[in-house]
Amino acid sequence: MIKIEIPNYKTLELEYLVLDYNGTIALDGQIRKTVRERLIKLADHLEIHVLSADTHGTAKQMCEGLPLNIQTFPTDGALDEKLAVVEKLGADQCAAVGNGRNDKLMCRASALAIAVLEEEGMCGRLLGEADVCTKSIEDALDLLLKPKRLIATLRG
């Protein structure tokens, strides 16, 4: 668990990290080494779930050996499926990170929502659901590894 007290905002008691795959932790279906390293560190504190429509068909293979759970939704229902996973885990204990339109509902429901703007872009409407927007997935994951950064951004 990661507990983060954000003055004049809220206290987060996070048990789960829910991540989109393509455009968020992966670029063109591939996970960078720097992302892998951070996921391994975070797995000591959070149960990690990767949820993906799996556009490139590489998600399960690329996540092999990482300390996380992966679910793919190859149909058009990823938006609702991702929300259902967050609700089942307990939205008030989830941090969600995504970049796409199908991440909107999971981000809206989660206790902490981080939108990532990388090379594949970010759905503009997702920004309205995010607590924080970062320029890279490494920056997003570092907010959880170094919570004072998150406190500085969100405090009242």
N, C-alpha and C. Protein backbone atom coordinates (compact mmCIF):
# COMPACT_ATOMS: atom_id res chain seq x y z
N MET A 1 0.84 -1.19 0.00
CA MET A 1 0.00 0.00 0.00
C MET A 1 0.88 1.24 0.00
N ILE A 2 0.39 2.27 -0.64
CA ILE A 2 1.01 3.58 -0.60
C ILE A 2 -0.01 4.55 -0.03
N LYS A 3 0.37 5.21 1.05
CA LYS A 3 -0.50 6.23 1.65
C LYS A 3 0.13 7.59 1.40
N ILE A 4 -0.66 8.49 0.82
CA ILE A 4 -0.19 9.83 0.51
C ILE A 4 -1.20 10.84 1.05
N GLU A 5 -0.76 11.65 1.99
CA GLU A 5 -1.62 12.71 2.54
C GLU A 5 -1.33 14.00 1.78
N ILE A 6 -2.35 14.47 1.08
CA ILE A 6 -2.20 15.67 0.26
C ILE A 6 -2.96 16.80 0.96
N PRO A 7 -2.24 17.77 1.54
CA PRO A 7 -2.88 18.84 2.30
C PRO A 7 -3.97 19.57 1.52
N ASN A 8 -5.07 19.78 2.17
CA ASN A 8 -6.22 20.49 1.61
C ASN A 8 -6.77 19.85 0.34
N TYR A 9 -6.54 18.55 0.17
CA TYR A 9 -7.09 17.83 -0.98
C TYR A 9 -7.70 16.52 -0.51
N LYS A 10 -6.87 15.50 -0.32
CA LYS A 10 -7.36 14.23 0.19
C LYS A 10 -6.19 13.34 0.58
N THR A 11 -6.51 12.29 1.30
CA THR A 11 -5.53 11.27 1.64
C THR A 11 -5.79 10.06 0.77
N LEU A 12 -4.76 9.63 0.07
CA LEU A 12 -4.85 8.47 -0.80
C LEU A 12 -4.31 7.25 -0.06
N GLU A 13 -5.05 6.17 -0.08
CA GLU A 13 -4.59 4.89 0.46
C GLU A 13 -4.71 3.90 -0.69
N LEU A 14 -3.65 3.82 -1.46
CA LEU A 14 -3.66 3.07 -2.72
C LEU A 14 -3.17 1.65 -2.53
N GLU A 15 -3.95 0.72 -3.03
CA GLU A 15 -3.59 -0.70 -3.03
C GLU A 15 -3.29 -1.20 -4.44
N TYR A 16 -3.88 -0.52 -5.44
CA TYR A 16 -3.83 -1.00 -6.82
C TYR A 16 -3.36 0.09 -7.77
N LEU A 17 -2.58 -0.32 -8.75
CA LEU A 17 -2.19 0.55 -9.85
C LEU A 17 -2.76 -0.09 -11.11
N VAL A 18 -3.63 0.65 -11.80
CA VAL A 18 -4.29 0.15 -13.00
C VAL A 18 -3.75 0.97 -14.18
N LEU A 19 -3.16 0.25 -15.13
CA LEU A 19 -2.46 0.90 -16.24
C LEU A 19 -3.03 0.49 -17.58
N ASP A 20 -3.18 1.45 -18.46
CA ASP A 20 -3.43 1.16 -19.86
C ASP A 20 -2.10 0.69 -20.46
N TYR A 21 -2.17 0.00 -21.58
CA TYR A 21 -0.96 -0.53 -22.20
C TYR A 21 -0.45 0.38 -23.33
N ASN A 22 -1.07 0.30 -24.50
CA ASN A 22 -0.58 1.04 -25.67
C ASN A 22 -0.75 2.55 -25.50
N GLY A 23 0.33 3.27 -25.71
CA GLY A 23 0.32 4.71 -25.56
C GLY A 23 0.58 5.17 -24.14
N THR A 24 0.50 4.23 -23.19
CA THR A 24 0.72 4.57 -21.79
C THR A 24 2.02 3.92 -21.31
N ILE A 25 2.02 2.60 -21.07
CA ILE A 25 3.28 1.96 -20.66
C ILE A 25 4.07 1.43 -21.85
N ALA A 26 3.44 1.38 -23.02
CA ALA A 26 4.10 0.86 -24.22
C ALA A 26 3.99 1.85 -25.37
N LEU A 27 5.02 1.90 -26.17
CA LEU A 27 5.03 2.70 -27.39
C LEU A 27 5.14 1.74 -28.57
N ASP A 28 4.18 1.80 -29.46
CA ASP A 28 4.13 0.88 -30.60
C ASP A 28 4.21 -0.57 -30.15
N GLY A 29 3.57 -0.86 -29.01
CA GLY A 29 3.49 -2.22 -28.50
C GLY A 29 4.68 -2.69 -27.70
N GLN A 30 5.67 -1.83 -27.46
CA GLN A 30 6.90 -2.21 -26.76
C GLN A 30 7.05 -1.43 -25.45
N ILE A 31 7.48 -2.13 -24.39
CA ILE A 31 7.72 -1.49 -23.09
C ILE A 31 9.20 -1.17 -22.96
N ARG A 32 9.51 0.09 -22.66
CA ARG A 32 10.90 0.50 -22.48
C ARG A 32 11.47 -0.09 -21.18
N LYS A 33 12.79 -0.25 -21.15
CA LYS A 33 13.48 -0.77 -19.97
C LYS A 33 13.22 0.12 -18.74
N THR A 34 13.20 1.43 -18.94
CA THR A 34 12.99 2.36 -17.82
C THR A 34 11.61 2.19 -17.20
N VAL A 35 10.63 1.80 -18.00
CA VAL A 35 9.28 1.55 -17.49
C VAL A 35 9.26 0.23 -16.73
N ARG A 36 9.90 -0.79 -17.28
CA ARG A 36 9.98 -2.09 -16.62
C ARG A 36 10.58 -1.95 -15.22
N GLU A 37 11.67 -1.19 -15.12
CA GLU A 37 12.34 -0.99 -13.83
C GLU A 37 11.41 -0.36 -12.80
N ARG A 38 10.65 0.63 -13.21
CA ARG A 38 9.73 1.30 -12.29
C ARG A 38 8.57 0.38 -11.88
N LEU A 39 8.06 -0.40 -12.81
CA LEU A 39 6.98 -1.33 -12.48
C LEU A 39 7.44 -2.36 -11.45
N ILE A 40 8.64 -2.83 -11.58
CA ILE A 40 9.18 -3.79 -10.60
C ILE A 40 9.27 -3.15 -9.23
N LYS A 41 9.73 -1.91 -9.15
CA LYS A 41 9.80 -1.20 -7.86
C LYS A 41 8.41 -0.99 -7.26
N LEU A 42 7.47 -0.57 -8.09
CA LEU A 42 6.12 -0.30 -7.59
C LEU A 42 5.40 -1.56 -7.13
N ALA A 43 5.76 -2.69 -7.71
CA ALA A 43 5.11 -3.96 -7.33
C ALA A 43 5.38 -4.33 -5.88
N ASP A 44 6.39 -3.73 -5.26
CA ASP A 44 6.63 -3.95 -3.83
C ASP A 44 5.57 -3.28 -2.97
N HIS A 45 4.84 -2.32 -3.54
CA HIS A 45 3.89 -1.51 -2.77
C HIS A 45 2.45 -1.62 -3.27
N LEU A 46 2.28 -1.93 -4.55
CA LEU A 46 0.95 -1.94 -5.16
C LEU A 46 0.75 -3.21 -5.98
N GLU A 47 -0.48 -3.66 -6.03
CA GLU A 47 -0.84 -4.73 -6.96
C GLU A 47 -1.11 -4.07 -8.30
N ILE A 48 -0.38 -4.48 -9.33
CA ILE A 48 -0.44 -3.80 -10.62
C ILE A 48 -1.29 -4.59 -11.61
N HIS A 49 -2.18 -3.86 -12.29
CA HIS A 49 -3.05 -4.44 -13.31
C HIS A 49 -2.88 -3.65 -14.61
N VAL A 50 -2.58 -4.37 -15.69
CA VAL A 50 -2.49 -3.76 -17.01
C VAL A 50 -3.73 -4.17 -17.78
N LEU A 51 -4.45 -3.18 -18.30
CA LEU A 51 -5.70 -3.41 -19.02
C LEU A 51 -5.54 -2.85 -20.42
N SER A 52 -5.83 -3.67 -21.44
CA SER A 52 -5.52 -3.23 -22.79
C SER A 52 -6.49 -3.75 -23.83
N ALA A 53 -6.76 -2.91 -24.81
CA ALA A 53 -7.45 -3.36 -26.01
C ALA A 53 -6.44 -4.07 -26.92
N ASP A 54 -5.17 -3.99 -26.61
CA ASP A 54 -4.07 -4.70 -27.25
C ASP A 54 -4.01 -4.47 -28.77
N THR A 55 -3.96 -3.22 -29.13
CA THR A 55 -3.92 -2.80 -30.54
C THR A 55 -2.84 -3.52 -31.35
N HIS A 56 -1.67 -3.68 -30.77
CA HIS A 56 -0.55 -4.29 -31.49
C HIS A 56 -0.44 -5.80 -31.27
N GLY A 57 -1.24 -6.35 -30.35
CA GLY A 57 -1.21 -7.78 -30.09
C GLY A 57 0.03 -8.26 -29.36
N THR A 58 0.73 -7.36 -28.66
CA THR A 58 1.98 -7.71 -27.98
C THR A 58 1.91 -7.64 -26.46
N ALA A 59 0.79 -7.21 -25.92
CA ALA A 59 0.72 -6.90 -24.49
C ALA A 59 1.11 -8.07 -23.60
N LYS A 60 0.52 -9.23 -23.80
CA LYS A 60 0.82 -10.37 -22.93
C LYS A 60 2.28 -10.78 -23.02
N GLN A 61 2.81 -10.81 -24.22
CA GLN A 61 4.20 -11.19 -24.41
C GLN A 61 5.14 -10.19 -23.74
N MET A 62 4.89 -8.90 -23.92
CA MET A 62 5.77 -7.87 -23.36
C MET A 62 5.68 -7.78 -21.84
N CYS A 63 4.55 -8.20 -21.26
CA CYS A 63 4.38 -8.14 -19.81
C CYS A 63 4.88 -9.41 -19.12
N GLU A 64 5.26 -10.40 -19.91
CA GLU A 64 5.75 -11.64 -19.35
C GLU A 64 6.96 -11.39 -18.45
N GLY A 65 6.95 -11.98 -17.26
CA GLY A 65 8.05 -11.82 -16.31
C GLY A 65 7.93 -10.61 -15.42
N LEU A 66 7.01 -9.71 -15.71
CA LEU A 66 6.79 -8.55 -14.84
C LEU A 66 5.80 -8.92 -13.74
N PRO A 67 5.95 -8.33 -12.55
CA PRO A 67 5.06 -8.64 -11.42
C PRO A 67 3.73 -7.90 -11.53
N LEU A 68 2.90 -8.35 -12.47
CA LEU A 68 1.62 -7.69 -12.69
C LEU A 68 0.61 -8.66 -13.28
N ASN A 69 -0.63 -8.24 -13.25
CA ASN A 69 -1.73 -8.98 -13.87
C ASN A 69 -2.09 -8.25 -15.16
N ILE A 70 -2.33 -9.01 -16.22
CA ILE A 70 -2.70 -8.37 -17.48
C ILE A 70 -4.02 -8.95 -17.98
N GLN A 71 -4.88 -8.04 -18.46
CA GLN A 71 -6.15 -8.42 -19.07
C GLN A 71 -6.26 -7.68 -20.39
N THR A 72 -6.65 -8.41 -21.43
CA THR A 72 -6.87 -7.76 -22.71
C THR A 72 -8.34 -7.84 -23.08
N PHE A 73 -8.78 -6.82 -23.76
CA PHE A 73 -10.17 -6.70 -24.20
C PHE A 73 -10.17 -6.42 -25.69
N PRO A 74 -10.06 -7.45 -26.52
CA PRO A 74 -9.92 -7.24 -27.95
C PRO A 74 -11.19 -6.77 -28.66
N THR A 75 -12.26 -6.59 -27.93
CA THR A 75 -13.49 -6.11 -28.54
C THR A 75 -13.59 -4.60 -28.38
N ASP A 76 -14.69 -4.04 -28.81
CA ASP A 76 -14.90 -2.60 -28.68
C ASP A 76 -15.34 -2.19 -27.28
N GLY A 77 -15.37 -3.12 -26.32
CA GLY A 77 -15.90 -2.82 -25.00
C GLY A 77 -14.86 -2.46 -23.96
N ALA A 78 -13.64 -2.08 -24.37
CA ALA A 78 -12.57 -1.81 -23.41
C ALA A 78 -12.93 -0.70 -22.43
N LEU A 79 -13.64 0.32 -22.88
CA LEU A 79 -14.03 1.43 -22.01
C LEU A 79 -14.78 0.92 -20.79
N ASP A 80 -15.80 0.11 -21.00
CA ASP A 80 -16.61 -0.43 -19.90
C ASP A 80 -15.88 -1.52 -19.14
N GLU A 81 -15.09 -2.33 -19.83
CA GLU A 81 -14.35 -3.41 -19.18
C GLU A 81 -13.33 -2.86 -18.19
N LYS A 82 -12.63 -1.81 -18.58
CA LYS A 82 -11.64 -1.20 -17.70
C LYS A 82 -12.31 -0.62 -16.45
N LEU A 83 -13.44 0.02 -16.63
CA LEU A 83 -14.19 0.54 -15.48
C LEU A 83 -14.61 -0.59 -14.57
N ALA A 84 -15.08 -1.69 -15.12
CA ALA A 84 -15.53 -2.82 -14.31
C ALA A 84 -14.39 -3.38 -13.46
N VAL A 85 -13.19 -3.43 -14.00
CA VAL A 85 -12.04 -3.92 -13.23
C VAL A 85 -11.75 -2.99 -12.06
N VAL A 86 -11.74 -1.69 -12.31
CA VAL A 86 -11.49 -0.71 -11.24
C VAL A 86 -12.55 -0.82 -10.16
N GLU A 87 -13.80 -0.93 -10.55
CA GLU A 87 -14.88 -1.05 -9.56
C GLU A 87 -14.75 -2.33 -8.76
N LYS A 88 -14.37 -3.42 -9.39
CA LYS A 88 -14.21 -4.70 -8.70
C LYS A 88 -13.06 -4.63 -7.69
N LEU A 89 -11.97 -3.97 -8.06
CA LEU A 89 -10.83 -3.84 -7.15
C LEU A 89 -11.16 -2.93 -5.98
N GLY A 90 -11.96 -1.92 -6.22
CA GLY A 90 -12.28 -0.89 -5.23
C GLY A 90 -11.71 0.43 -5.70
N ALA A 91 -12.52 1.20 -6.38
CA ALA A 91 -12.06 2.44 -7.03
C ALA A 91 -11.35 3.38 -6.08
N ASP A 92 -11.78 3.42 -4.82
CA ASP A 92 -11.17 4.33 -3.85
C ASP A 92 -9.76 3.91 -3.44
N GLN A 93 -9.32 2.74 -3.89
CA GLN A 93 -7.96 2.27 -3.60
C GLN A 93 -7.11 2.15 -4.88
N CYS A 94 -7.62 2.71 -5.97
CA CYS A 94 -6.94 2.59 -7.26
C CYS A 94 -6.32 3.90 -7.73
N ALA A 95 -5.11 3.76 -8.28
CA ALA A 95 -4.51 4.81 -9.09
C ALA A 95 -4.60 4.31 -10.52
N ALA A 96 -5.13 5.13 -11.42
CA ALA A 96 -5.27 4.74 -12.82
C ALA A 96 -4.41 5.65 -13.68
N VAL A 97 -3.75 5.04 -14.67
CA VAL A 97 -2.90 5.80 -15.58
C VAL A 97 -3.26 5.40 -17.01
N GLY A 98 -3.53 6.39 -17.83
CA GLY A 98 -3.90 6.10 -19.21
C GLY A 98 -3.67 7.27 -20.13
N ASN A 99 -3.96 7.04 -21.42
CA ASN A 99 -3.82 8.11 -22.41
C ASN A 99 -4.99 8.16 -23.39
N GLY A 100 -5.83 7.13 -23.40
CA GLY A 100 -6.83 7.03 -24.45
C GLY A 100 -8.26 7.27 -24.01
N ARG A 101 -9.12 7.37 -25.01
CA ARG A 101 -10.53 7.56 -24.74
C ARG A 101 -11.10 6.40 -23.94
N ASN A 102 -10.59 5.19 -24.17
CA ASN A 102 -11.13 4.05 -23.43
C ASN A 102 -10.60 3.97 -22.00
N ASP A 103 -9.81 4.96 -21.58
CA ASP A 103 -9.35 5.05 -20.19
C ASP A 103 -10.18 6.05 -19.38
N LYS A 104 -11.08 6.74 -20.04
CA LYS A 104 -11.81 7.84 -19.41
C LYS A 104 -12.60 7.41 -18.17
N LEU A 105 -13.37 6.35 -18.27
CA LEU A 105 -14.22 5.95 -17.14
C LEU A 105 -13.41 5.39 -15.98
N MET A 106 -12.35 4.63 -16.27
CA MET A 106 -11.53 4.09 -15.17
C MET A 106 -10.83 5.23 -14.44
N CYS A 107 -10.42 6.26 -15.18
CA CYS A 107 -9.79 7.40 -14.54
C CYS A 107 -10.79 8.21 -13.71
N ARG A 108 -11.98 8.38 -14.24
CA ARG A 108 -13.02 9.12 -13.51
C ARG A 108 -13.32 8.44 -12.18
N ALA A 109 -13.37 7.12 -12.16
CA ALA A 109 -13.75 6.38 -10.97
C ALA A 109 -12.63 6.26 -9.94
N SER A 110 -11.40 6.26 -10.36
CA SER A 110 -10.27 5.97 -9.48
C SER A 110 -9.97 7.11 -8.51
N ALA A 111 -9.37 6.74 -7.38
CA ALA A 111 -8.99 7.73 -6.36
C ALA A 111 -7.95 8.71 -6.88
N LEU A 112 -7.08 8.22 -7.77
CA LEU A 112 -6.07 9.06 -8.38
C LEU A 112 -6.01 8.72 -9.87
N ALA A 113 -6.09 9.72 -10.71
CA ALA A 113 -6.03 9.51 -12.16
C ALA A 113 -4.90 10.34 -12.75
N ILE A 114 -4.05 9.65 -13.51
CA ILE A 114 -2.92 10.31 -14.16
C ILE A 114 -3.04 10.09 -15.66
N ALA A 115 -3.06 11.18 -16.40
CA ALA A 115 -3.08 11.11 -17.87
C ALA A 115 -1.66 11.29 -18.37
N VAL A 116 -1.31 10.50 -19.38
CA VAL A 116 0.05 10.53 -19.93
C VAL A 116 0.00 11.01 -21.37
N LEU A 117 0.83 12.00 -21.68
CA LEU A 117 0.92 12.52 -23.04
C LEU A 117 2.29 12.17 -23.59
N GLU A 118 2.32 11.10 -24.37
CA GLU A 118 3.57 10.63 -24.98
C GLU A 118 3.44 10.73 -26.50
N GLU A 119 4.28 9.99 -27.22
CA GLU A 119 4.33 10.07 -28.67
C GLU A 119 3.01 9.70 -29.34
N GLU A 120 2.25 8.81 -28.74
CA GLU A 120 0.98 8.40 -29.34
C GLU A 120 -0.15 9.38 -29.04
N GLY A 121 0.15 10.42 -28.28
CA GLY A 121 -0.85 11.43 -27.96
C GLY A 121 -1.71 11.03 -26.77
N MET A 122 -2.65 11.91 -26.45
CA MET A 122 -3.58 11.69 -25.36
C MET A 122 -4.94 12.20 -25.80
N CYS A 123 -5.95 11.45 -25.51
CA CYS A 123 -7.31 11.88 -25.80
C CYS A 123 -7.60 13.16 -25.01
N GLY A 124 -7.97 14.20 -25.68
CA GLY A 124 -8.23 15.48 -25.03
C GLY A 124 -9.27 15.40 -23.93
N ARG A 125 -10.27 14.57 -24.11
CA ARG A 125 -11.34 14.46 -23.11
C ARG A 125 -10.89 13.74 -21.86
N LEU A 126 -9.79 12.98 -21.95
CA LEU A 126 -9.26 12.31 -20.76
C LEU A 126 -8.71 13.32 -19.77
N LEU A 127 -8.20 14.41 -20.27
CA LEU A 127 -7.60 15.43 -19.41
C LEU A 127 -8.58 15.92 -18.34
N GLY A 128 -9.85 16.02 -18.70
CA GLY A 128 -10.86 16.46 -17.74
C GLY A 128 -11.12 15.47 -16.60
N GLU A 129 -10.68 14.24 -16.78
CA GLU A 129 -10.86 13.21 -15.74
C GLU A 129 -9.61 13.04 -14.89
N ALA A 130 -8.49 13.61 -15.30
CA ALA A 130 -7.21 13.38 -14.63
C ALA A 130 -6.97 14.35 -13.49
N ASP A 131 -6.34 13.84 -12.43
CA ASP A 131 -5.85 14.70 -11.35
C ASP A 131 -4.55 15.36 -11.78
N VAL A 132 -3.75 14.62 -12.56
CA VAL A 132 -2.44 15.09 -13.00
C VAL A 132 -2.22 14.62 -14.43
N CYS A 133 -1.51 15.42 -15.21
CA CYS A 133 -1.09 15.02 -16.55
C CYS A 133 0.43 15.08 -16.59
N THR A 134 1.05 14.02 -17.12
CA THR A 134 2.51 13.98 -17.20
C THR A 134 2.95 13.84 -18.66
N LYS A 135 4.20 14.18 -18.91
CA LYS A 135 4.74 14.11 -20.26
C LYS A 135 5.33 12.75 -20.60
N SER A 136 5.40 11.85 -19.61
CA SER A 136 5.91 10.51 -19.89
C SER A 136 5.37 9.53 -18.85
N ILE A 137 5.38 8.25 -19.20
CA ILE A 137 4.98 7.23 -18.25
C ILE A 137 5.98 7.16 -17.10
N GLU A 138 7.25 7.39 -17.38
CA GLU A 138 8.23 7.39 -16.30
C GLU A 138 7.88 8.46 -15.27
N ASP A 139 7.51 9.65 -15.74
CA ASP A 139 7.11 10.72 -14.82
C ASP A 139 5.88 10.32 -14.02
N ALA A 140 4.93 9.67 -14.67
CA ALA A 140 3.71 9.24 -13.99
C ALA A 140 4.03 8.24 -12.89
N LEU A 141 4.83 7.25 -13.20
CA LEU A 141 5.19 6.23 -12.21
C LEU A 141 6.04 6.82 -11.09
N ASP A 142 6.88 7.78 -11.43
CA ASP A 142 7.69 8.44 -10.41
C ASP A 142 6.85 9.22 -9.40
N LEU A 143 5.67 9.68 -9.80
CA LEU A 143 4.78 10.36 -8.84
C LEU A 143 4.41 9.42 -7.70
N LEU A 144 4.32 8.13 -7.99
CA LEU A 144 4.00 7.15 -6.96
C LEU A 144 5.25 6.69 -6.21
N LEU A 145 6.37 6.65 -6.89
CA LEU A 145 7.63 6.27 -6.24
C LEU A 145 8.20 7.40 -5.39
N LYS A 146 7.88 8.63 -5.76
CA LYS A 146 8.36 9.83 -5.05
C LYS A 146 7.15 10.72 -4.78
N PRO A 147 6.31 10.33 -3.81
CA PRO A 147 5.02 10.99 -3.60
C PRO A 147 5.07 12.48 -3.28
N LYS A 148 6.20 13.00 -2.84
CA LYS A 148 6.26 14.45 -2.57
C LYS A 148 6.04 15.25 -3.84
N ARG A 149 6.36 14.67 -5.00
CA ARG A 149 6.08 15.33 -6.27
C ARG A 149 4.58 15.47 -6.47
N LEU A 150 3.86 14.42 -6.15
CA LEU A 150 2.41 14.43 -6.27
C LEU A 150 1.78 15.41 -5.28
N ILE A 151 2.32 15.42 -4.08
CA ILE A 151 1.82 16.36 -3.06
C ILE A 151 2.03 17.79 -3.52
N ALA A 152 3.19 18.09 -4.09
CA ALA A 152 3.47 19.46 -4.55
C ALA A 152 2.51 19.89 -5.64
N THR A 153 2.10 18.94 -6.48
CA THR A 153 1.20 19.27 -7.59
C THR A 153 -0.25 19.43 -7.14
N LEU A 154 -0.70 18.61 -6.20
CA LEU A 154 -2.13 18.57 -5.86
C LEU A 154 -2.52 19.28 -4.57
N ARG A 155 -1.60 19.71 -3.77
CA ARG A 155 -1.97 20.32 -2.49
C ARG A 155 -2.79 21.59 -2.70
N GLY A 156 -3.63 21.89 -1.71
CA GLY A 156 -4.50 23.06 -1.81
C GLY A 156 -3.85 24.33 -1.39
